[in-house]
Amino acid sequence: MLQFTRRLPPILLCRCPHCLRGPVFAGLIGMHESCPVCHARYEREQGYFMNSIFVGYLISFVLVIPVILLLVLLGPSPLNFTLGIAAAYAIIAPVTFRYARVVWMHLDEMMDPR
């Protein structure tokens, strides 16, 4: 648990899982191939980020729960309910993409250090 709490600020700032200083992303969705500070490669093997999809599902589900609860309380029609959830996912998707990859890289670094 101590190791994860030490990693929380670098995760929130999208920093390197190895040195905890270098930026992971070069733009909104463009990633560096390796850390600009410690030169650790981010993608360890072909298909490395496939597991980040599961992390992304979890993050997006947690973020959309308040929207679902609000919509249930407001009681819209089924069409408006569906449109509301779709709009929430469209807004959440870019955040989910970035943080799913960063969280996955940090979890992998904790389980299998370089």
PDB file of N, CA and C in Angstrom:
ATOM      1  N   MET A   1       0.829  -1.197   0.000  1.00  0.00           N
ATOM      2  CA  MET A   1       0.000   0.000   0.000  1.00  0.00           C
ATOM      3  C   MET A   1       0.869   1.254   0.000  1.00  0.00           C
ATOM      4  N   LEU A   2       1.975   1.220   0.719  1.00  0.00           N
ATOM      5  CA  LEU A   2       2.872   2.363   0.767  1.00  0.00           C
ATOM      6  C   LEU A   2       3.413   2.688  -0.620  1.00  0.00           C
ATOM      7  N   GLN A   3       3.738   1.631  -1.391  1.00  0.00           N
ATOM      8  CA  GLN A   3       4.266   1.848  -2.729  1.00  0.00           C
ATOM      9  C   GLN A   3       3.212   2.501  -3.627  1.00  0.00           C
ATOM     10  N   PHE A   4       1.960   2.119  -3.481  1.00  0.00           N
ATOM     11  CA  PHE A   4       0.915   2.709  -4.310  1.00  0.00           C
ATOM     12  C   PHE A   4       0.677   4.166  -3.941  1.00  0.00           C
ATOM     13  N   THR A   5       0.700   4.503  -2.645  1.00  0.00           N
ATOM     14  CA  THR A   5       0.486   5.894  -2.255  1.00  0.00           C
ATOM     15  C   THR A   5       1.628   6.779  -2.734  1.00  0.00           C
ATOM     16  N   ARG A   6       2.822   6.219  -2.831  1.00  0.00           N
ATOM     17  CA  ARG A   6       3.956   6.981  -3.370  1.00  0.00           C
ATOM     18  C   ARG A   6       3.769   7.212  -4.863  1.00  0.00           C
ATOM     19  N   ARG A   7       3.072   6.328  -5.519  1.00  0.00           N
ATOM     20  CA  ARG A   7       2.843   6.428  -6.962  1.00  0.00           C
ATOM     21  C   ARG A   7       1.609   7.254  -7.325  1.00  0.00           C
ATOM     22  N   LEU A   8       0.778   7.583  -6.375  1.00  0.00           N
ATOM     23  CA  LEU A   8      -0.463   8.291  -6.689  1.00  0.00           C
ATOM     24  C   LEU A   8      -0.235   9.645  -7.376  1.00  0.00           C
ATOM     25  N   PRO A   9       0.636  10.527  -6.871  1.00  0.00           N
ATOM     26  CA  PRO A   9       0.872  11.788  -7.603  1.00  0.00           C
ATOM     27  C   PRO A   9       1.412  11.575  -9.018  1.00  0.00           C
ATOM     28  N   PRO A  10       2.407  10.686  -9.253  1.00  0.00           N
ATOM     29  CA  PRO A  10       2.833  10.460 -10.637  1.00  0.00           C
ATOM     30  C   PRO A  10       1.731   9.888 -11.534  1.00  0.00           C
ATOM     31  N   ILE A  11       0.838   9.075 -10.982  1.00  0.00           N
ATOM     32  CA  ILE A  11      -0.278   8.555 -11.779  1.00  0.00           C
ATOM     33  C   ILE A  11      -1.201   9.705 -12.177  1.00  0.00           C
ATOM     34  N   LEU A  12      -1.549  10.550 -11.233  1.00  0.00           N
ATOM     35  CA  LEU A  12      -2.442  11.671 -11.528  1.00  0.00           C
ATOM     36  C   LEU A  12      -1.819  12.655 -12.513  1.00  0.00           C
ATOM     37  N   LEU A  13      -0.494  12.786 -12.487  1.00  0.00           N
ATOM     38  CA  LEU A  13       0.209  13.684 -13.403  1.00  0.00           C
ATOM     39  C   LEU A  13       0.654  12.983 -14.692  1.00  0.00           C
ATOM     40  N   CYS A  14       0.302  11.703 -14.854  1.00  0.00           N
ATOM     41  CA  CYS A  14       0.668  10.892 -16.039  1.00  0.00           C
ATOM     42  C   CYS A  14       2.181  10.866 -16.233  1.00  0.00           C
ATOM     43  N   ARG A  15       2.887  10.422 -15.211  1.00  0.00           N
ATOM     44  CA  ARG A  15       4.345  10.349 -15.255  1.00  0.00           C
ATOM     45  C   ARG A  15       4.817   8.914 -15.431  1.00  0.00           C
ATOM     46  N   CYS A  16       6.090   8.764 -15.755  1.00  0.00           N
ATOM     47  CA  CYS A  16       6.731   7.481 -16.029  1.00  0.00           C
ATOM     48  C   CYS A  16       6.586   6.524 -14.846  1.00  0.00           C
ATOM     49  N   PRO A  17       6.250   5.256 -15.093  1.00  0.00           N
ATOM     50  CA  PRO A  17       6.129   4.292 -14.000  1.00  0.00           C
ATOM     51  C   PRO A  17       7.477   3.862 -13.430  1.00  0.00           C
ATOM     52  N   HIS A  18       8.542   4.122 -14.153  1.00  0.00           N
ATOM     53  CA  HIS A  18       9.867   3.687 -13.689  1.00  0.00           C
ATOM     54  C   HIS A  18      10.545   4.768 -12.836  1.00  0.00           C
ATOM     55  N   CYS A  19      10.712   5.964 -13.377  1.00  0.00           N
ATOM     56  CA  CYS A  19      11.405   7.024 -12.631  1.00  0.00           C
ATOM     57  C   CYS A  19      10.443   7.965 -11.922  1.00  0.00           C
ATOM     58  N   LEU A  20       9.163   7.921 -12.265  1.00  0.00           N
ATOM     59  CA  LEU A  20       8.100   8.744 -11.687  1.00  0.00           C
ATOM     60  C   LEU A  20       8.243  10.226 -12.011  1.00  0.00           C
ATOM     61  N   ARG A  21       9.079  10.586 -13.020  1.00  0.00           N
ATOM     62  CA  ARG A  21       9.298  11.989 -13.347  1.00  0.00           C
ATOM     63  C   ARG A  21       8.941  12.345 -14.792  1.00  0.00           C
ATOM     64  N   GLY A  22       9.294  11.500 -15.743  1.00  0.00           N
ATOM     65  CA  GLY A  22       9.092  11.816 -17.157  1.00  0.00           C
ATOM     66  C   GLY A  22       7.642  11.734 -17.575  1.00  0.00           C
ATOM     67  N   PRO A  23       7.206  12.620 -18.485  1.00  0.00           N
ATOM     68  CA  PRO A  23       5.822  12.569 -18.963  1.00  0.00           C
ATOM     69  C   PRO A  23       5.589  11.358 -19.872  1.00  0.00           C
ATOM     70  N   VAL A  24       4.411  10.778 -19.768  1.00  0.00           N
ATOM     71  CA  VAL A  24       4.049   9.635 -20.600  1.00  0.00           C
ATOM     72  C   VAL A  24       3.506  10.112 -21.947  1.00  0.00           C
ATOM     73  N   PHE A  25       2.728  11.179 -21.933  1.00  0.00           N
ATOM     74  CA  PHE A  25       2.057  11.635 -23.148  1.00  0.00           C
ATOM     75  C   PHE A  25       2.742  12.861 -23.734  1.00  0.00           C
ATOM     76  N   ALA A  26       2.815  12.886 -25.071  1.00  0.00           N
ATOM     77  CA  ALA A  26       3.401  14.018 -25.792  1.00  0.00           C
ATOM     78  C   ALA A  26       2.314  15.022 -26.190  1.00  0.00           C
ATOM     79  N   GLY A  27       1.088  14.600 -26.219  1.00  0.00           N
ATOM     80  CA  GLY A  27      -0.047  15.453 -26.564  1.00  0.00           C
ATOM     81  C   GLY A  27      -1.275  14.951 -25.841  1.00  0.00           C
ATOM     82  N   LEU A  28      -2.433  15.179 -26.441  1.00  0.00           N
ATOM     83  CA  LEU A  28      -3.676  14.732 -25.813  1.00  0.00           C
ATOM     84  C   LEU A  28      -3.743  13.209 -25.753  1.00  0.00           C
ATOM     85  N   ILE A  29      -3.432  12.538 -26.880  1.00  0.00           N
ATOM     86  CA  ILE A  29      -3.447  11.076 -26.867  1.00  0.00           C
ATOM     87  C   ILE A  29      -2.145  10.471 -27.375  1.00  0.00           C
ATOM     88  N   GLY A  30      -1.244  11.275 -27.900  1.00  0.00           N
ATOM     89  CA  GLY A  30       0.031  10.757 -28.401  1.00  0.00           C
ATOM     90  C   GLY A  30       0.994  10.446 -27.266  1.00  0.00           C
ATOM     91  N   MET A  31       1.525   9.228 -27.264  1.00  0.00           N
ATOM     92  CA  MET A  31       2.440   8.803 -26.208  1.00  0.00           C
ATOM     93  C   MET A  31       3.879   8.863 -26.697  1.00  0.00           C
ATOM     94  N   HIS A  32       4.789   9.143 -25.761  1.00  0.00           N
ATOM     95  CA  HIS A  32       6.208   8.977 -26.052  1.00  0.00           C
ATOM     96  C   HIS A  32       6.487   7.477 -26.139  1.00  0.00           C
ATOM     97  N   GLU A  33       7.434   7.066 -26.979  1.00  0.00           N
ATOM     98  CA  GLU A  33       7.814   5.650 -27.020  1.00  0.00           C
ATOM     99  C   GLU A  33       8.556   5.245 -25.767  1.00  0.00           C
ATOM    100  N   SER A  34       9.350   6.163 -25.239  1.00  0.00           N
ATOM    101  CA  SER A  34      10.095   5.899 -24.014  1.00  0.00           C
ATOM    102  C   SER A  34      10.122   7.174 -23.186  1.00  0.00           C
ATOM    103  N   CYS A  35      10.511   7.028 -21.945  1.00  0.00           N
ATOM    104  CA  CYS A  35      10.548   8.149 -21.014  1.00  0.00           C
ATOM    105  C   CYS A  35      11.637   9.136 -21.430  1.00  0.00           C
ATOM    106  N   PRO A  36      11.317  10.418 -21.525  1.00  0.00           N
ATOM    107  CA  PRO A  36      12.327  11.410 -21.864  1.00  0.00           C
ATOM    108  C   PRO A  36      13.402  11.575 -20.780  1.00  0.00           C
ATOM    109  N   VAL A  37      13.114  11.133 -19.561  1.00  0.00           N
ATOM    110  CA  VAL A  37      14.061  11.292 -18.455  1.00  0.00           C
ATOM    111  C   VAL A  37      14.945  10.056 -18.290  1.00  0.00           C
ATOM    112  N   CYS A  38      14.327   8.878 -18.097  1.00  0.00           N
ATOM    113  CA  CYS A  38      15.116   7.662 -17.809  1.00  0.00           C
ATOM    114  C   CYS A  38      15.232   6.724 -19.014  1.00  0.00           C
ATOM    115  N   HIS A  39      14.547   7.031 -20.113  1.00  0.00           N
ATOM    116  CA  HIS A  39      14.591   6.267 -21.367  1.00  0.00           C
ATOM    117  C   HIS A  39      14.026   4.845 -21.254  1.00  0.00           C
ATOM    118  N   ALA A  40      13.196   4.585 -20.267  1.00  0.00           N
ATOM    119  CA  ALA A  40      12.529   3.280 -20.160  1.00  0.00           C
ATOM    120  C   ALA A  40      11.431   3.214 -21.222  1.00  0.00           C
ATOM    121  N   ARG A  41      11.394   2.101 -21.973  1.00  0.00           N
ATOM    122  CA  ARG A  41      10.346   1.924 -22.989  1.00  0.00           C
ATOM    123  C   ARG A  41       9.006   1.704 -22.299  1.00  0.00           C
ATOM    124  N   TYR A  42       7.988   2.419 -22.788  1.00  0.00           N
ATOM    125  CA  TYR A  42       6.666   2.284 -22.190  1.00  0.00           C
ATOM    126  C   TYR A  42       5.963   1.008 -22.627  1.00  0.00           C
ATOM    127  N   GLU A  43       6.058   0.658 -23.890  1.00  0.00           N
ATOM    128  CA  GLU A  43       5.412  -0.563 -24.383  1.00  0.00           C
ATOM    129  C   GLU A  43       6.431  -1.697 -24.311  1.00  0.00           C
ATOM    130  N   ARG A  44       6.281  -2.547 -23.309  1.00  0.00           N
ATOM    131  CA  ARG A  44       7.275  -3.606 -23.062  1.00  0.00           C
ATOM    132  C   ARG A  44       7.266  -4.684 -24.132  1.00  0.00           C
ATOM    133  N   GLU A  45       6.112  -4.974 -24.711  1.00  0.00           N
ATOM    134  CA  GLU A  45       5.991  -6.038 -25.724  1.00  0.00           C
ATOM    135  C   GLU A  45       4.787  -5.727 -26.603  1.00  0.00           C
ATOM    136  N   GLN A  46       4.672  -6.457 -27.703  1.00  0.00           N
ATOM    137  CA  GLN A  46       3.546  -6.289 -28.620  1.00  0.00           C
ATOM    138  C   GLN A  46       2.243  -6.565 -27.870  1.00  0.00           C
ATOM    139  N   GLY A  47       1.268  -5.666 -27.977  1.00  0.00           N
ATOM    140  CA  GLY A  47      -0.017  -5.850 -27.315  1.00  0.00           C
ATOM    141  C   GLY A  47      -0.001  -5.541 -25.834  1.00  0.00           C
ATOM    142  N   TYR A  48       1.017  -4.838 -25.382  1.00  0.00           N
ATOM    143  CA  TYR A  48       1.184  -4.554 -23.951  1.00  0.00           C
ATOM    144  C   TYR A  48      -0.012  -3.820 -23.358  1.00  0.00           C
ATOM    145  N   PHE A  49      -0.583  -2.909 -24.112  1.00  0.00           N
ATOM    146  CA  PHE A  49      -1.661  -2.084 -23.568  1.00  0.00           C
ATOM    147  C   PHE A  49      -3.039  -2.724 -23.673  1.00  0.00           C
ATOM    148  N   MET A  50      -3.127  -3.974 -24.116  1.00  0.00           N
ATOM    149  CA  MET A  50      -4.428  -4.654 -24.165  1.00  0.00           C
ATOM    150  C   MET A  50      -5.043  -4.764 -22.767  1.00  0.00           C
ATOM    151  N   ASN A  51      -4.213  -4.973 -21.752  1.00  0.00           N
ATOM    152  CA  ASN A  51      -4.740  -5.067 -20.388  1.00  0.00           C
ATOM    153  C   ASN A  51      -5.246  -3.731 -19.870  1.00  0.00           C
ATOM    154  N   SER A  52      -4.783  -2.636 -20.454  1.00  0.00           N
ATOM    155  CA  SER A  52      -5.273  -1.329 -20.010  1.00  0.00           C
ATOM    156  C   SER A  52      -6.749  -1.149 -20.372  1.00  0.00           C
ATOM    157  N   ILE A  53      -7.247  -1.947 -21.309  1.00  0.00           N
ATOM    158  CA  ILE A  53      -8.669  -1.872 -21.660  1.00  0.00           C
ATOM    159  C   ILE A  53      -9.525  -2.212 -20.445  1.00  0.00           C
ATOM    160  N   PHE A  54      -9.127  -3.215 -19.682  1.00  0.00           N
ATOM    161  CA  PHE A  54      -9.887  -3.606 -18.496  1.00  0.00           C
ATOM    162  C   PHE A  54      -9.828  -2.527 -17.425  1.00  0.00           C
ATOM    163  N   VAL A  55      -8.677  -1.905 -17.284  1.00  0.00           N
ATOM    164  CA  VAL A  55      -8.540  -0.782 -16.352  1.00  0.00           C
ATOM    165  C   VAL A  55      -9.455   0.354 -16.808  1.00  0.00           C
ATOM    166  N   GLY A  56      -9.507   0.592 -18.115  1.00  0.00           N
ATOM    167  CA  GLY A  56     -10.373   1.633 -18.665  1.00  0.00           C
ATOM    168  C   GLY A  56     -11.849   1.360 -18.405  1.00  0.00           C
ATOM    169  N   TYR A  57     -12.262   0.103 -18.531  1.00  0.00           N
ATOM    170  CA  TYR A  57     -13.651  -0.255 -18.216  1.00  0.00           C
ATOM    171  C   TYR A  57     -13.981   0.092 -16.767  1.00  0.00           C
ATOM    172  N   LEU A  58     -13.083  -0.242 -15.870  1.00  0.00           N
ATOM    173  CA  LEU A  58     -13.309   0.026 -14.449  1.00  0.00           C
ATOM    174  C   LEU A  58     -13.372   1.523 -14.177  1.00  0.00           C
ATOM    175  N   ILE A  59     -12.432   2.274 -14.734  1.00  0.00           N
ATOM    176  CA  ILE A  59     -12.415   3.725 -14.520  1.00  0.00           C
ATOM    177  C   ILE A  59     -13.682   4.367 -15.078  1.00  0.00           C
ATOM    178  N   SER A  60     -14.058   4.009 -16.300  1.00  0.00           N
ATOM    179  CA  SER A  60     -15.240   4.633 -16.905  1.00  0.00           C
ATOM    180  C   SER A  60     -16.514   4.248 -16.167  1.00  0.00           C
ATOM    181  N   PHE A  61     -16.590   3.018 -15.685  1.00  0.00           N
ATOM    182  CA  PHE A  61     -17.774   2.605 -14.929  1.00  0.00           C
ATOM    183  C   PHE A  61     -17.901   3.421 -13.647  1.00  0.00           C
ATOM    184  N   VAL A  62     -16.797   3.595 -12.941  1.00  0.00           N
ATOM    185  CA  VAL A  62     -16.822   4.368 -11.691  1.00  0.00           C
ATOM    186  C   VAL A  62     -17.191   5.825 -11.968  1.00  0.00           C
ATOM    187  N   LEU A  63     -16.696   6.372 -13.071  1.00  0.00           N
ATOM    188  CA  LEU A  63     -16.987   7.772 -13.385  1.00  0.00           C
ATOM    189  C   LEU A  63     -18.415   7.990 -13.878  1.00  0.00           C
ATOM    190  N   VAL A  64     -19.044   6.979 -14.466  1.00  0.00           N
ATOM    191  CA  VAL A  64     -20.386   7.161 -15.015  1.00  0.00           C
ATOM    192  C   VAL A  64     -21.483   6.813 -13.995  1.00  0.00           C
ATOM    193  N   ILE A  65     -21.141   6.188 -12.886  1.00  0.00           N
ATOM    194  CA  ILE A  65     -22.147   5.840 -11.867  1.00  0.00           C
ATOM    195  C   ILE A  65     -22.930   7.066 -11.389  1.00  0.00           C
ATOM    196  N   PRO A  66     -22.279   8.210 -11.071  1.00  0.00           N
ATOM    197  CA  PRO A  66     -23.083   9.372 -10.650  1.00  0.00           C
ATOM    198  C   PRO A  66     -24.061   9.843 -11.727  1.00  0.00           C
ATOM    199  N   VAL A  67     -23.687   9.741 -12.983  1.00  0.00           N
ATOM    200  CA  VAL A  67     -24.584  10.135 -14.071  1.00  0.00           C
ATOM    201  C   VAL A  67     -25.785   9.192 -14.111  1.00  0.00           C
ATOM    202  N   ILE A  68     -25.523   7.908 -13.972  1.00  0.00           N
ATOM    203  CA  ILE A  68     -26.624   6.930 -13.969  1.00  0.00           C
ATOM    204  C   ILE A  68     -27.575   7.205 -12.808  1.00  0.00           C
ATOM    205  N   LEU A  69     -27.032   7.443 -11.619  1.00  0.00           N
ATOM    206  CA  LEU A  69     -27.876   7.726 -10.457  1.00  0.00           C
ATOM    207  C   LEU A  69     -28.698   8.994 -10.658  1.00  0.00           C
ATOM    208  N   LEU A  70     -28.084  10.026 -11.218  1.00  0.00           N
ATOM    209  CA  LEU A  70     -28.808  11.267 -11.479  1.00  0.00           C
ATOM    210  C   LEU A  70     -29.934  11.042 -12.479  1.00  0.00           C
ATOM    211  N   LEU A  71     -29.652  10.288 -13.523  1.00  0.00           N
ATOM    212  CA  LEU A  71     -30.677  10.021 -14.528  1.00  0.00           C
ATOM    213  C   LEU A  71     -31.819   9.175 -13.956  1.00  0.00           C
ATOM    214  N   VAL A  72     -31.490   8.235 -13.081  1.00  0.00           N
ATOM    215  CA  VAL A  72     -32.545   7.428 -12.449  1.00  0.00           C
ATOM    216  C   VAL A  72     -33.447   8.315 -11.594  1.00  0.00           C
ATOM    217  N   LEU A  73     -32.829   9.253 -10.874  1.00  0.00           N
ATOM    218  CA  LEU A  73     -33.625  10.163 -10.029  1.00  0.00           C
ATOM    219  C   LEU A  73     -34.489  11.106 -10.865  1.00  0.00           C
ATOM    220  N   LEU A  74     -33.991  11.535 -12.016  1.00  0.00           N
ATOM    221  CA  LEU A  74     -34.761  12.444 -12.868  1.00  0.00           C
ATOM    222  C   LEU A  74     -35.859  11.721 -13.641  1.00  0.00           C
ATOM    223  N   GLY A  75     -35.693  10.431 -13.868  1.00  0.00           N
ATOM    224  CA  GLY A  75     -36.707   9.614 -14.533  1.00  0.00           C
ATOM    225  C   GLY A  75     -36.987   9.991 -15.974  1.00  0.00           C
ATOM    226  N   PRO A  76     -35.962  10.138 -16.821  1.00  0.00           N
ATOM    227  CA  PRO A  76     -36.229  10.478 -18.227  1.00  0.00           C
ATOM    228  C   PRO A  76     -36.759   9.279 -19.001  1.00  0.00           C
ATOM    229  N   SER A  77     -37.151   9.536 -20.222  1.00  0.00           N
ATOM    230  CA  SER A  77     -37.589   8.448 -21.104  1.00  0.00           C
ATOM    231  C   SER A  77     -36.393   7.537 -21.392  1.00  0.00           C
ATOM    232  N   PRO A  78     -36.651   6.302 -21.834  1.00  0.00           N
ATOM    233  CA  PRO A  78     -35.526   5.405 -22.150  1.00  0.00           C
ATOM    234  C   PRO A  78     -34.557   5.988 -23.182  1.00  0.00           C
ATOM    235  N   LEU A  79     -35.082   6.721 -24.157  1.00  0.00           N
ATOM    236  CA  LEU A  79     -34.216   7.326 -25.169  1.00  0.00           C
ATOM    237  C   LEU A  79     -33.311   8.392 -24.544  1.00  0.00           C
ATOM    238  N   ASN A  80     -33.892   9.270 -23.725  1.00  0.00           N
ATOM    239  CA  ASN A  80     -33.093  10.305 -23.069  1.00  0.00           C
ATOM    240  C   ASN A  80     -32.102   9.707 -22.077  1.00  0.00           C
ATOM    241  N   PHE A  81     -32.478   8.632 -21.426  1.00  0.00           N
ATOM    242  CA  PHE A  81     -31.572   7.943 -20.506  1.00  0.00           C
ATOM    243  C   PHE A  81     -30.357   7.424 -21.273  1.00  0.00           C
ATOM    244  N   THR A  82     -30.616   6.783 -22.406  1.00  0.00           N
ATOM    245  CA  THR A  82     -29.535   6.244 -23.239  1.00  0.00           C
ATOM    246  C   THR A  82     -28.661   7.356 -23.781  1.00  0.00           C
ATOM    247  N   LEU A  83     -29.265   8.446 -24.246  1.00  0.00           N
ATOM    248  CA  LEU A  83     -28.502   9.577 -24.766  1.00  0.00           C
ATOM    249  C   LEU A  83     -27.660  10.232 -23.668  1.00  0.00           C
ATOM    250  N   GLY A  84     -28.192  10.295 -22.470  1.00  0.00           N
ATOM    251  CA  GLY A  84     -27.443  10.871 -21.348  1.00  0.00           C
ATOM    252  C   GLY A  84     -26.214  10.055 -21.007  1.00  0.00           C
ATOM    253  N   ILE A  85     -26.363   8.746 -20.975  1.00  0.00           N
ATOM    254  CA  ILE A  85     -25.218   7.875 -20.688  1.00  0.00           C
ATOM    255  C   ILE A  85     -24.208   7.930 -21.833  1.00  0.00           C
ATOM    256  N   ALA A  86     -24.692   7.965 -23.075  1.00  0.00           N
ATOM    257  CA  ALA A  86     -23.783   8.060 -24.223  1.00  0.00           C
ATOM    258  C   ALA A  86     -22.994   9.365 -24.180  1.00  0.00           C
ATOM    259  N   ALA A  87     -23.642  10.461 -23.823  1.00  0.00           N
ATOM    260  CA  ALA A  87     -22.952  11.752 -23.714  1.00  0.00           C
ATOM    261  C   ALA A  87     -21.909  11.713 -22.600  1.00  0.00           C
ATOM    262  N   ALA A  88     -22.262  11.089 -21.494  1.00  0.00           N
ATOM    263  CA  ALA A  88     -21.304  10.980 -20.384  1.00  0.00           C
ATOM    264  C   ALA A  88     -20.076  10.181 -20.811  1.00  0.00           C
ATOM    265  N   TYR A  89     -20.283   9.074 -21.500  1.00  0.00           N
ATOM    266  CA  TYR A  89     -19.152   8.264 -21.974  1.00  0.00           C
ATOM    267  C   TYR A  89     -18.310   9.021 -22.995  1.00  0.00           C
ATOM    268  N   ALA A  90     -18.942   9.826 -23.844  1.00  0.00           N
ATOM    269  CA  ALA A  90     -18.190  10.603 -24.837  1.00  0.00           C
ATOM    270  C   ALA A  90     -17.284  11.624 -24.154  1.00  0.00           C
ATOM    271  N   ILE A  91     -17.748  12.193 -23.064  1.00  0.00           N
ATOM    272  CA  ILE A  91     -16.938  13.155 -22.314  1.00  0.00           C
ATOM    273  C   ILE A  91     -15.836  12.449 -21.526  1.00  0.00           C
ATOM    274  N   ILE A  92     -16.140  11.275 -20.990  1.00  0.00           N
ATOM    275  CA  ILE A  92     -15.207  10.534 -20.140  1.00  0.00           C
ATOM    276  C   ILE A  92     -14.134   9.803 -20.947  1.00  0.00           C
ATOM    277  N   ALA A  93     -14.400   9.483 -22.201  1.00  0.00           N
ATOM    278  CA  ALA A  93     -13.499   8.637 -23.001  1.00  0.00           C
ATOM    279  C   ALA A  93     -12.052   9.134 -23.074  1.00  0.00           C
ATOM    280  N   PRO A  94     -11.783  10.416 -23.359  1.00  0.00           N
ATOM    281  CA  PRO A  94     -10.380  10.839 -23.428  1.00  0.00           C
ATOM    282  C   PRO A  94      -9.650  10.702 -22.092  1.00  0.00           C
ATOM    283  N   VAL A  95     -10.332  10.995 -21.002  1.00  0.00           N
ATOM    284  CA  VAL A  95      -9.731  10.858 -19.672  1.00  0.00           C
ATOM    285  C   VAL A  95      -9.462   9.389 -19.380  1.00  0.00           C
ATOM    286  N   THR A  96     -10.421   8.551 -19.703  1.00  0.00           N
ATOM    287  CA  THR A  96     -10.287   7.116 -19.467  1.00  0.00           C
ATOM    288  C   THR A  96      -9.119   6.538 -20.247  1.00  0.00           C
ATOM    289  N   PHE A  97      -8.962   6.935 -21.508  1.00  0.00           N
ATOM    290  CA  PHE A  97      -7.874   6.426 -22.331  1.00  0.00           C
ATOM    291  C   PHE A  97      -6.522   6.714 -21.685  1.00  0.00           C
ATOM    292  N   ARG A  98      -6.306   7.945 -21.300  1.00  0.00           N
ATOM    293  CA  ARG A  98      -5.014   8.336 -20.729  1.00  0.00           C
ATOM    294  C   ARG A  98      -4.746   7.617 -19.412  1.00  0.00           C
ATOM    295  N   TYR A  99      -5.688   7.696 -18.502  1.00  0.00           N
ATOM    296  CA  TYR A  99      -5.450   7.141 -17.175  1.00  0.00           C
ATOM    297  C   TYR A  99      -5.453   5.618 -17.159  1.00  0.00           C
ATOM    298  N   ALA A 100      -6.180   4.987 -18.062  1.00  0.00           N
ATOM    299  CA  ALA A 100      -6.150   3.520 -18.127  1.00  0.00           C
ATOM    300  C   ALA A 100      -4.743   3.044 -18.463  1.00  0.00           C
ATOM    301  N   ARG A 101      -4.109   3.692 -19.416  1.00  0.00           N
ATOM    302  CA  ARG A 101      -2.741   3.305 -19.785  1.00  0.00           C
ATOM    303  C   ARG A 101      -1.747   3.595 -18.664  1.00  0.00           C
ATOM    304  N   VAL A 102      -1.877   4.750 -18.054  1.00  0.00           N
ATOM    305  CA  VAL A 102      -0.933   5.121 -16.994  1.00  0.00           C
ATOM    306  C   VAL A 102      -1.101   4.205 -15.783  1.00  0.00           C
ATOM    307  N   VAL A 103      -2.336   3.959 -15.377  1.00  0.00           N
ATOM    308  CA  VAL A 103      -2.570   3.070 -14.231  1.00  0.00           C
ATOM    309  C   VAL A 103      -2.057   1.669 -14.543  1.00  0.00           C
ATOM    310  N   TRP A 104      -2.314   1.172 -15.760  1.00  0.00           N
ATOM    311  CA  TRP A 104      -1.827  -0.153 -16.126  1.00  0.00           C
ATOM    312  C   TRP A 104      -0.302  -0.215 -16.068  1.00  0.00           C
ATOM    313  N   MET A 105       0.380   0.796 -16.590  1.00  0.00           N
ATOM    314  CA  MET A 105       1.846   0.786 -16.569  1.00  0.00           C
ATOM    315  C   MET A 105       2.386   0.798 -15.144  1.00  0.00           C
ATOM    316  N   HIS A 106       1.745   1.551 -14.261  1.00  0.00           N
ATOM    317  CA  HIS A 106       2.197   1.600 -12.868  1.00  0.00           C
ATOM    318  C   HIS A 106       1.915   0.278 -12.150  1.00  0.00           C
ATOM    319  N   LEU A 107       0.749  -0.308 -12.392  1.00  0.00           N
ATOM    320  CA  LEU A 107       0.463  -1.621 -11.791  1.00  0.00           C
ATOM    321  C   LEU A 107       1.459  -2.667 -12.270  1.00  0.00           C
ATOM    322  N   ASP A 108       1.756  -2.649 -13.572  1.00  0.00           N
ATOM    323  CA  ASP A 108       2.696  -3.611 -14.121  1.00  0.00           C
ATOM    324  C   ASP A 108       4.108  -3.389 -13.549  1.00  0.00           C
ATOM    325  N   GLU A 109       4.493  -2.157 -13.388  1.00  0.00           N
ATOM    326  CA  GLU A 109       5.825  -1.848 -12.821  1.00  0.00           C
ATOM    327  C   GLU A 109       5.902  -2.307 -11.362  1.00  0.00           C
ATOM    328  N   MET A 110       4.788  -2.189 -10.630  1.00  0.00           N
ATOM    329  CA  MET A 110       4.789  -2.647  -9.231  1.00  0.00           C
ATOM    330  C   MET A 110       4.872  -4.175  -9.161  1.00  0.00           C
ATOM    331  N   MET A 111       4.180  -4.874 -10.090  1.00  0.00           N
ATOM    332  CA  MET A 111       4.173  -6.336 -10.063  1.00  0.00           C
ATOM    333  C   MET A 111       5.441  -6.935 -10.664  1.00  0.00           C
ATOM    334  N   ASP A 112       5.984  -6.286 -11.695  1.00  0.00           N
ATOM    335  CA  ASP A 112       7.153  -6.811 -12.404  1.00  0.00           C
ATOM    336  C   ASP A 112       8.114  -5.662 -12.708  1.00  0.00           C
ATOM    337  N   PRO A 113       8.915  -5.257 -11.710  1.00  0.00           N
ATOM    338  CA  PRO A 113       9.815  -4.114 -11.924  1.00  0.00           C
ATOM    339  C   PRO A 113      10.832  -4.417 -13.027  1.00  0.00           C
ATOM    340  N   ARG A 114      11.294  -3.380 -13.673  1.00  0.00           N
ATOM    341  CA  ARG A 114      12.283  -3.517 -14.746  1.00  0.00           C
ATOM    342  C   ARG A 114      13.614  -3.948 -14.177  1.00  0.00           C
TER     343      ARG A 114
END
